[in-house]
Amino acid sequence: MEREPPHTVTRRTFLAGSCAAAPALAWPAGAAQAPATAAPHPHMVETTLTINGRAHHLRLDTRVTLLDALREHLGLTGTKKGCDRGQCGACTVLLDGRRVNSCLTLAASLEGRTVTTIEGLGAPEALHPVQAAFLAHDGFQCGYCTPGQICSAVALLEELKAGDASAVTAELREAGAAPVSAAEIRERMSGNLCRCGAYPFIVAAIEDVLKSTSGA
């Protein structure tokens, strides 16, 4: 007669037995179970965002960025999410006429402010001069960074009109002064990265707009 092999405990049988015994071990008989702790609900706020001249009434988590509000809540997907850390400039929009990284701007903080995205600059039948110049000079390749580049370039033109200096400005310019150098355009656009390397064409597009607006 063959002898039965000695009983062995396998990983499978050990786990099965442990699971069966767990309720009795974890909770004494007759003890009232503590209620499960519900996850804290995010703090929601009612806010009104003025985007491209139109008011949008939204209920948002206070942690939602302007970038996500534009793309996920309003369907304005022209503004792109690149690094999501304020380093690439793909998400650049205009806030009260000045450029900002929408990925670093909380949407709930913009009550009473005016936001302009790439969709609000022009239309296919009526392009903004910067959009037209980008087309004329091939200022894009894959196009992913282009909305941010164009918004940044539009703000650049306004900064020059206002006499704002950059890190390479020799002196504050007055009407009739020498044209803006390519080096200064590059400095002022340095917050917008183009992985395709279309920088020479972007500079040429901005120079073209500057010439047309100055009457040169």
C-alpha atoms as a PDB file:
ATOM      1  CA  MET A   1       0.000   0.000   0.000  1.00  0.00           C
ATOM      2  CA  GLU A   2       1.278   3.412  -0.959  1.00  0.00           C
ATOM      3  CA  ARG A   3       1.689   5.887   1.812  1.00  0.00           C
ATOM      4  CA  GLU A   4      -0.050   9.298   1.375  1.00  0.00           C
ATOM      5  CA  PRO A   5       2.407  12.120   0.975  1.00  0.00           C
ATOM      6  CA  PRO A   6       2.753  14.337   4.020  1.00  0.00           C
ATOM      7  CA  HIS A   7       0.405  17.367   3.972  1.00  0.00           C
ATOM      8  CA  THR A   8       2.142  20.485   2.714  1.00  0.00           C
ATOM      9  CA  VAL A   9       1.027  24.119   2.849  1.00  0.00           C
ATOM     10  CA  THR A  10       1.255  25.863  -0.478  1.00  0.00           C
ATOM     11  CA  ARG A  11       1.075  29.576  -1.133  1.00  0.00           C
ATOM     12  CA  ARG A  12      -2.372  29.102  -2.671  1.00  0.00           C
ATOM     13  CA  THR A  13      -3.821  27.182   0.294  1.00  0.00           C
ATOM     14  CA  PHE A  14      -2.247  29.586   2.799  1.00  0.00           C
ATOM     15  CA  LEU A  15      -3.766  32.636   1.105  1.00  0.00           C
ATOM     16  CA  ALA A  16      -7.156  30.957   0.787  1.00  0.00           C
ATOM     17  CA  GLY A  17      -7.184  30.117   4.470  1.00  0.00           C
ATOM     18  CA  SER A  18      -6.007  33.575   5.468  1.00  0.00           C
ATOM     19  CA  CYS A  19      -8.759  35.263   3.456  1.00  0.00           C
ATOM     20  CA  ALA A  20     -11.418  33.028   5.002  1.00  0.00           C
ATOM     21  CA  ALA A  21     -10.212  33.821   8.504  1.00  0.00           C
ATOM     22  CA  ALA A  22      -9.616  37.527   7.932  1.00  0.00           C
ATOM     23  CA  PRO A  23     -13.098  38.817   8.912  1.00  0.00           C
ATOM     24  CA  ALA A  24     -13.026  37.005  12.235  1.00  0.00           C
ATOM     25  CA  LEU A  25      -9.490  38.143  12.978  1.00  0.00           C
ATOM     26  CA  ALA A  26     -10.029  41.731  11.869  1.00  0.00           C
ATOM     27  CA  TRP A  27     -13.347  42.449  13.611  1.00  0.00           C
ATOM     28  CA  PRO A  28     -14.486  40.936  16.942  1.00  0.00           C
ATOM     29  CA  ALA A  29     -17.879  39.268  16.889  1.00  0.00           C
ATOM     30  CA  GLY A  30     -20.699  41.594  17.896  1.00  0.00           C
ATOM     31  CA  ALA A  31     -18.597  44.762  17.544  1.00  0.00           C
ATOM     32  CA  ALA A  32     -20.118  47.594  15.547  1.00  0.00           C
ATOM     33  CA  GLN A  33     -18.169  48.348  12.425  1.00  0.00           C
ATOM     34  CA  ALA A  34     -16.904  51.898  12.014  1.00  0.00           C
ATOM     35  CA  PRO A  35     -18.445  53.723   9.058  1.00  0.00           C
ATOM     36  CA  ALA A  36     -16.250  53.952   5.988  1.00  0.00           C
ATOM     37  CA  THR A  37     -14.556  57.323   5.654  1.00  0.00           C
ATOM     38  CA  ALA A  38     -15.761  59.066   2.525  1.00  0.00           C
ATOM     39  CA  ALA A  39     -13.185  60.772   0.353  1.00  0.00           C
ATOM     40  CA  PRO A  40     -13.252  64.545   0.789  1.00  0.00           C
ATOM     41  CA  HIS A  41     -15.201  66.269  -1.943  1.00  0.00           C
ATOM     42  CA  PRO A  42     -13.159  68.748  -3.983  1.00  0.00           C
ATOM     43  CA  HIS A  43     -13.898  72.374  -3.280  1.00  0.00           C
ATOM     44  CA  MET A  44     -16.090  73.551  -6.123  1.00  0.00           C
ATOM     45  CA  VAL A  45     -16.748  77.187  -6.989  1.00  0.00           C
ATOM     46  CA  GLU A  46     -19.024  79.043  -9.347  1.00  0.00           C
ATOM     47  CA  THR A  47     -17.079  81.329 -11.655  1.00  0.00           C
ATOM     48  CA  THR A  48     -17.564  83.302 -14.831  1.00  0.00           C
ATOM     49  CA  LEU A  49     -14.775  83.273 -17.401  1.00  0.00           C
ATOM     50  CA  THR A  50     -14.744  85.795 -20.215  1.00  0.00           C
ATOM     51  CA  ILE A  51     -13.137  83.983 -23.132  1.00  0.00           C
ATOM     52  CA  ASN A  52     -12.801  85.589 -26.569  1.00  0.00           C
ATOM     53  CA  GLY A  53     -15.434  88.168 -25.689  1.00  0.00           C
ATOM     54  CA  ARG A  54     -18.001  85.667 -24.420  1.00  0.00           C
ATOM     55  CA  ALA A  55     -18.946  84.993 -20.800  1.00  0.00           C
ATOM     56  CA  HIS A  56     -18.962  81.355 -19.671  1.00  0.00           C
ATOM     57  CA  HIS A  57     -20.549  80.397 -16.344  1.00  0.00           C
ATOM     58  CA  LEU A  58     -18.810  77.337 -14.940  1.00  0.00           C
ATOM     59  CA  ARG A  59     -18.671  75.247 -11.786  1.00  0.00           C
ATOM     60  CA  LEU A  60     -15.055  74.241 -11.305  1.00  0.00           C
ATOM     61  CA  ASP A  61     -12.735  72.652  -8.825  1.00  0.00           C
ATOM     62  CA  THR A  62     -10.482  75.381  -7.437  1.00  0.00           C
ATOM     63  CA  ARG A  63      -7.474  73.368  -8.633  1.00  0.00           C
ATOM     64  CA  VAL A  64      -8.497  73.408 -12.312  1.00  0.00           C
ATOM     65  CA  THR A  65      -6.069  75.364 -14.465  1.00  0.00           C
ATOM     66  CA  LEU A  66      -7.128  77.754 -17.178  1.00  0.00           C
ATOM     67  CA  LEU A  67      -5.649  75.323 -19.709  1.00  0.00           C
ATOM     68  CA  ASP A  68      -7.853  72.446 -18.550  1.00  0.00           C
ATOM     69  CA  ALA A  69     -10.902  74.692 -18.279  1.00  0.00           C
ATOM     70  CA  LEU A  70     -10.403  75.768 -21.897  1.00  0.00           C
ATOM     71  CA  ARG A  71      -9.833  72.284 -23.265  1.00  0.00           C
ATOM     72  CA  GLU A  72     -11.975  70.048 -21.028  1.00  0.00           C
ATOM     73  CA  HIS A  73     -14.858  72.330 -20.055  1.00  0.00           C
ATOM     74  CA  LEU A  74     -15.210  74.732 -22.993  1.00  0.00           C
ATOM     75  CA  GLY A  75     -13.962  72.638 -25.922  1.00  0.00           C
ATOM     76  CA  LEU A  76     -11.409  75.285 -26.950  1.00  0.00           C
ATOM     77  CA  THR A  77      -8.654  72.856 -27.916  1.00  0.00           C
ATOM     78  CA  GLY A  78      -6.531  75.312 -29.902  1.00  0.00           C
ATOM     79  CA  THR A  79      -4.534  75.972 -26.743  1.00  0.00           C
ATOM     80  CA  LYS A  80      -2.185  73.012 -26.395  1.00  0.00           C
ATOM     81  CA  LYS A  81      -0.930  71.099 -23.369  1.00  0.00           C
ATOM     82  CA  GLY A  82       2.778  70.468 -23.763  1.00  0.00           C
ATOM     83  CA  CYS A  83       4.937  70.174 -20.660  1.00  0.00           C
ATOM     84  CA  ASP A  84       2.145  71.257 -18.253  1.00  0.00           C
ATOM     85  CA  ARG A  85       4.880  72.939 -16.178  1.00  0.00           C
ATOM     86  CA  GLY A  86       5.168  76.392 -17.747  1.00  0.00           C
ATOM     87  CA  GLN A  87       8.369  75.577 -19.625  1.00  0.00           C
ATOM     88  CA  CYS A  88       7.396  75.082 -23.282  1.00  0.00           C
ATOM     89  CA  GLY A  89       4.903  77.881 -23.988  1.00  0.00           C
ATOM     90  CA  ALA A  90       2.496  75.720 -26.013  1.00  0.00           C
ATOM     91  CA  CYS A  91      -0.345  76.781 -23.700  1.00  0.00           C
ATOM     92  CA  THR A  92       0.264  80.532 -24.037  1.00  0.00           C
ATOM     93  CA  VAL A  93      -2.874  82.691 -24.099  1.00  0.00           C
ATOM     94  CA  LEU A  94      -3.507  86.399 -23.587  1.00  0.00           C
ATOM     95  CA  LEU A  95      -4.810  87.557 -20.218  1.00  0.00           C
ATOM     96  CA  ASP A  96      -5.944  91.187 -20.351  1.00  0.00           C
ATOM     97  CA  GLY A  97      -3.702  91.511 -23.406  1.00  0.00           C
ATOM     98  CA  ARG A  98      -0.579  90.061 -21.778  1.00  0.00           C
ATOM     99  CA  ARG A  99       0.736  86.556 -22.352  1.00  0.00           C
ATOM    100  CA  VAL A 100       0.519  83.919 -19.657  1.00  0.00           C
ATOM    101  CA  ASN A 101       1.060  80.190 -19.400  1.00  0.00           C
ATOM    102  CA  SER A 102      -2.456  78.867 -18.977  1.00  0.00           C
ATOM    103  CA  CYS A 103      -1.139  75.633 -17.429  1.00  0.00           C
ATOM    104  CA  LEU A 104       0.096  77.647 -14.425  1.00  0.00           C
ATOM    105  CA  THR A 105      -2.972  79.887 -14.081  1.00  0.00           C
ATOM    106  CA  LEU A 106      -5.908  78.816 -11.922  1.00  0.00           C
ATOM    107  CA  ALA A 107      -9.194  79.327 -13.739  1.00  0.00           C
ATOM    108  CA  ALA A 108     -11.073  80.278 -10.563  1.00  0.00           C
ATOM    109  CA  SER A 109      -8.775  83.276 -10.062  1.00  0.00           C
ATOM    110  CA  LEU A 110      -9.820  84.941 -13.338  1.00  0.00           C
ATOM    111  CA  GLU A 111     -13.219  86.343 -12.411  1.00  0.00           C
ATOM    112  CA  GLY A 112     -13.495  89.730 -14.124  1.00  0.00           C
ATOM    113  CA  ARG A 113     -10.445  89.157 -16.336  1.00  0.00           C
ATOM    114  CA  THR A 114     -10.408  88.835 -20.132  1.00  0.00           C
ATOM    115  CA  VAL A 115      -8.835  85.817 -21.834  1.00  0.00           C
ATOM    116  CA  THR A 116      -8.044  85.602 -25.537  1.00  0.00           C
ATOM    117  CA  THR A 117      -7.081  82.265 -27.070  1.00  0.00           C
ATOM    118  CA  ILE A 118      -5.923  81.413 -30.571  1.00  0.00           C
ATOM    119  CA  GLU A 119      -9.590  80.922 -31.528  1.00  0.00           C
ATOM    120  CA  GLY A 120     -10.290  84.545 -30.629  1.00  0.00           C
ATOM    121  CA  LEU A 121      -7.491  86.138 -32.667  1.00  0.00           C
ATOM    122  CA  GLY A 122      -8.854  85.522 -36.135  1.00  0.00           C
ATOM    123  CA  ALA A 123     -10.937  83.321 -38.392  1.00  0.00           C
ATOM    124  CA  PRO A 124     -10.021  81.475 -41.622  1.00  0.00           C
ATOM    125  CA  GLU A 125     -11.695  84.213 -43.646  1.00  0.00           C
ATOM    126  CA  ALA A 126     -10.194  87.036 -41.546  1.00  0.00           C
ATOM    127  CA  LEU A 127      -6.781  86.064 -40.185  1.00  0.00           C
ATOM    128  CA  HIS A 128      -4.904  88.112 -37.633  1.00  0.00           C
ATOM    129  CA  PRO A 129      -1.802  89.690 -39.263  1.00  0.00           C
ATOM    130  CA  VAL A 130       0.454  87.415 -37.199  1.00  0.00           C
ATOM    131  CA  GLN A 131      -1.469  84.330 -38.326  1.00  0.00           C
ATOM    132  CA  ALA A 132      -1.195  85.428 -41.944  1.00  0.00           C
ATOM    133  CA  ALA A 133       2.548  86.058 -41.561  1.00  0.00           C
ATOM    134  CA  PHE A 134       3.108  82.610 -40.049  1.00  0.00           C
ATOM    135  CA  LEU A 135       1.400  81.101 -43.090  1.00  0.00           C
ATOM    136  CA  ALA A 136       3.370  83.228 -45.531  1.00  0.00           C
ATOM    137  CA  HIS A 137       6.741  82.392 -43.940  1.00  0.00           C
ATOM    138  CA  ASP A 138       6.084  78.726 -43.037  1.00  0.00           C
ATOM    139  CA  GLY A 139       6.445  79.580 -39.364  1.00  0.00           C
ATOM    140  CA  PHE A 140       5.351  76.103 -38.318  1.00  0.00           C
ATOM    141  CA  GLN A 141       5.886  72.447 -39.140  1.00  0.00           C
ATOM    142  CA  CYS A 142       3.922  70.025 -36.964  1.00  0.00           C
ATOM    143  CA  GLY A 143       1.839  72.971 -35.732  1.00  0.00           C
ATOM    144  CA  TYR A 144       1.575  71.846 -32.121  1.00  0.00           C
ATOM    145  CA  CYS A 145       3.370  74.854 -30.650  1.00  0.00           C
ATOM    146  CA  THR A 146       1.943  77.298 -33.215  1.00  0.00           C
ATOM    147  CA  PRO A 147      -1.084  78.570 -31.224  1.00  0.00           C
ATOM    148  CA  GLY A 148       1.183  79.486 -28.308  1.00  0.00           C
ATOM    149  CA  GLN A 149       3.796  80.971 -30.635  1.00  0.00           C
ATOM    150  CA  ILE A 150       1.189  83.180 -32.327  1.00  0.00           C
ATOM    151  CA  CYS A 151      -0.363  84.355 -29.052  1.00  0.00           C
ATOM    152  CA  SER A 152       3.108  85.147 -27.741  1.00  0.00           C
ATOM    153  CA  ALA A 153       3.989  87.050 -30.922  1.00  0.00           C
ATOM    154  CA  VAL A 154       0.791  89.118 -30.672  1.00  0.00           C
ATOM    155  CA  ALA A 155       1.717  90.043 -27.093  1.00  0.00           C
ATOM    156  CA  LEU A 156       5.267  90.834 -28.224  1.00  0.00           C
ATOM    157  CA  LEU A 157       3.950  93.435 -30.662  1.00  0.00           C
ATOM    158  CA  GLU A 158       1.923  95.092 -27.909  1.00  0.00           C
ATOM    159  CA  GLU A 159       4.921  95.081 -25.571  1.00  0.00           C
ATOM    160  CA  LEU A 160       6.974  96.869 -28.213  1.00  0.00           C
ATOM    161  CA  LYS A 161       4.228  99.459 -28.714  1.00  0.00           C
ATOM    162  CA  ALA A 162       4.157 100.068 -24.961  1.00  0.00           C
ATOM    163  CA  GLY A 163       7.939 100.483 -24.845  1.00  0.00           C
ATOM    164  CA  ASP A 164       8.517  97.484 -22.579  1.00  0.00           C
ATOM    165  CA  ALA A 165      12.155  96.448 -22.492  1.00  0.00           C
ATOM    166  CA  SER A 166      13.555  92.936 -22.803  1.00  0.00           C
ATOM    167  CA  ALA A 167      16.829  91.490 -21.543  1.00  0.00           C
ATOM    168  CA  VAL A 168      18.611  92.555 -24.758  1.00  0.00           C
ATOM    169  CA  THR A 169      16.976  95.929 -25.371  1.00  0.00           C
ATOM    170  CA  ALA A 170      19.680  98.558 -25.802  1.00  0.00           C
ATOM    171  CA  GLU A 171      17.336 101.403 -24.887  1.00  0.00           C
ATOM    172  CA  LEU A 172      13.628 102.097 -24.776  1.00  0.00           C
ATOM    173  CA  ARG A 173      12.520 102.858 -28.301  1.00  0.00           C
ATOM    174  CA  GLU A 174      10.542 105.832 -29.437  1.00  0.00           C
ATOM    175  CA  ALA A 175       8.537 106.305 -32.603  1.00  0.00           C
ATOM    176  CA  GLY A 176      10.795 106.341 -35.636  1.00  0.00           C
ATOM    177  CA  ALA A 177      13.639 104.479 -33.918  1.00  0.00           C
ATOM    178  CA  ALA A 178      15.662 101.698 -35.540  1.00  0.00           C
ATOM    179  CA  PRO A 179      13.824  98.454 -36.380  1.00  0.00           C
ATOM    180  CA  VAL A 180      13.656  95.741 -33.743  1.00  0.00           C
ATOM    181  CA  SER A 181      16.567  93.344 -34.177  1.00  0.00           C
ATOM    182  CA  ALA A 182      16.188  89.625 -34.795  1.00  0.00           C
ATOM    183  CA  ALA A 183      18.127  89.026 -31.572  1.00  0.00           C
ATOM    184  CA  GLU A 184      15.520  90.915 -29.592  1.00  0.00           C
ATOM    185  CA  ILE A 185      12.670  89.021 -31.246  1.00  0.00           C
ATOM    186  CA  ARG A 186      14.370  85.749 -30.329  1.00  0.00           C
ATOM    187  CA  GLU A 187      14.824  86.901 -26.743  1.00  0.00           C
ATOM    188  CA  ARG A 188      11.202  87.968 -26.417  1.00  0.00           C
ATOM    189  CA  MET A 189      10.013  84.659 -27.929  1.00  0.00           C
ATOM    190  CA  SER A 190      12.412  82.499 -25.905  1.00  0.00           C
ATOM    191  CA  GLY A 191       9.623  81.201 -23.657  1.00  0.00           C
ATOM    192  CA  ASN A 192       8.033  79.391 -26.599  1.00  0.00           C
ATOM    193  CA  LEU A 193       9.798  76.221 -27.717  1.00  0.00           C
ATOM    194  CA  CYS A 194       9.516  74.652 -31.177  1.00  0.00           C
ATOM    195  CA  ARG A 195      10.786  71.078 -31.328  1.00  0.00           C
ATOM    196  CA  CYS A 196      10.599  71.190 -35.139  1.00  0.00           C
ATOM    197  CA  GLY A 197      13.137  74.042 -35.177  1.00  0.00           C
ATOM    198  CA  ALA A 198      11.086  76.577 -37.169  1.00  0.00           C
ATOM    199  CA  TYR A 199      12.660  79.495 -35.310  1.00  0.00           C
ATOM    200  CA  PRO A 200      14.127  81.327 -38.360  1.00  0.00           C
ATOM    201  CA  PHE A 201      10.710  81.346 -40.040  1.00  0.00           C
ATOM    202  CA  ILE A 202       8.966  82.486 -36.855  1.00  0.00           C
ATOM    203  CA  VAL A 203      11.396  85.403 -36.555  1.00  0.00           C
ATOM    204  CA  ALA A 204      10.873  86.256 -40.231  1.00  0.00           C
ATOM    205  CA  ALA A 205       7.085  86.243 -39.741  1.00  0.00           C
ATOM    206  CA  ILE A 206       7.300  88.637 -36.801  1.00  0.00           C
ATOM    207  CA  GLU A 207       9.724  90.899 -38.670  1.00  0.00           C
ATOM    208  CA  ASP A 208       7.264  91.003 -41.551  1.00  0.00           C
ATOM    209  CA  VAL A 209       4.421  92.115 -39.280  1.00  0.00           C
ATOM    210  CA  LEU A 210       6.641  94.737 -37.661  1.00  0.00           C
ATOM    211  CA  LYS A 211       7.542  96.164 -41.071  1.00  0.00           C
ATOM    212  CA  SER A 212       3.921  96.287 -42.187  1.00  0.00           C
ATOM    213  CA  THR A 213       2.747  97.993 -39.006  1.00  0.00           C
ATOM    214  CA  SER A 214       5.592 100.522 -39.042  1.00  0.00           C
ATOM    215  CA  GLY A 215       4.933 101.439 -42.666  1.00  0.00           C
ATOM    216  CA  ALA A 216       8.450 100.447 -43.731  1.00  0.00           C
END
